[in-house]
Protein backbone atom coordinates (compact mmCIF):
# COMPACT_ATOMS: atom_id res chain seq x y z
CA MET A 1 -82.42 42.31 213.78
CA SER A 2 -81.62 38.85 215.16
CA ALA A 3 -79.45 40.40 217.89
CA ILE A 4 -82.45 42.33 219.20
CA ILE A 5 -84.51 39.15 219.38
CA VAL A 6 -81.72 37.36 221.26
CA LEU A 7 -81.39 40.26 223.72
CA ILE A 8 -85.16 40.38 224.29
CA VAL A 9 -85.26 36.62 224.95
CA CYS A 10 -82.30 36.89 227.34
CA SER A 11 -83.83 39.82 229.22
CA LEU A 12 -87.18 38.08 229.53
CA THR A 13 -85.42 34.96 230.85
CA VAL A 14 -83.55 36.99 233.48
CA ALA A 15 -86.73 38.88 234.44
CA LEU A 16 -88.63 35.62 234.77
CA GLY A 17 -85.85 34.25 236.98
CA PHE A 18 -86.07 37.27 239.28
CA LEU A 19 -89.86 36.96 239.41
CA VAL A 20 -89.61 33.30 240.38
CA ALA A 21 -87.02 34.12 243.05
CA PHE A 22 -89.25 36.88 244.45
CA ILE A 23 -92.33 34.67 244.58
CA TRP A 24 -90.27 31.89 246.21
CA SER A 25 -88.95 34.26 248.89
CA VAL A 26 -92.45 35.59 249.64
CA LYS A 27 -93.82 32.07 250.01
CA ALA A 28 -90.86 31.13 252.23
CA GLY A 29 -91.79 33.93 254.65
CA GLN A 30 -88.88 36.26 253.94
CA TYR A 31 -91.09 39.36 254.22
CA ASP A 32 -93.42 38.31 257.05
CA ASP A 33 -91.94 40.36 259.88
CA ASP A 34 -92.36 44.01 258.95
CA TYR A 35 -93.09 45.37 262.43
CA THR A 36 -90.21 44.24 264.66
CA PRO A 37 -87.29 45.89 262.80
CA SER A 38 -88.93 49.31 262.99
CA VAL A 39 -89.36 49.19 266.77
CA ARG A 40 -86.34 47.10 267.74
CA MET A 41 -84.34 50.21 268.63
CA LEU A 42 -87.03 51.22 271.14
CA PHE A 43 -86.60 48.12 273.30
CA ASP A 44 -84.14 48.15 276.19
CA ASP A 45 -81.19 45.85 275.93
CA THR A 46 -80.88 43.14 278.53
CA ALA A 47 -78.26 43.79 281.16
CA THR A 48 -75.04 41.95 280.57
CA GLU A 49 -73.05 40.30 283.31
CA GLN A 50 -70.32 42.90 283.08
CA SER A 51 -72.66 45.85 283.51
CA VAL A 52 -74.25 44.16 286.53
CA ASP A 53 -70.79 43.71 288.10
CA ASN A 54 -69.99 47.39 287.60
CA LYS A 55 -73.10 48.49 289.54
CA LYS A 56 -72.16 46.57 292.68
């Protein structure tokens, strides 16, 4: 029975650690930009110097 209590305490400690890490990352702005990655592939790439030289 004592092993179950130890495992429950350990799992709650790990879960609390992940919750703290998640809240810290949200407050740090990790999840602020949710629009740009979805449309980044739609933007044209800027012309590189090599591709400009090939067109001449």
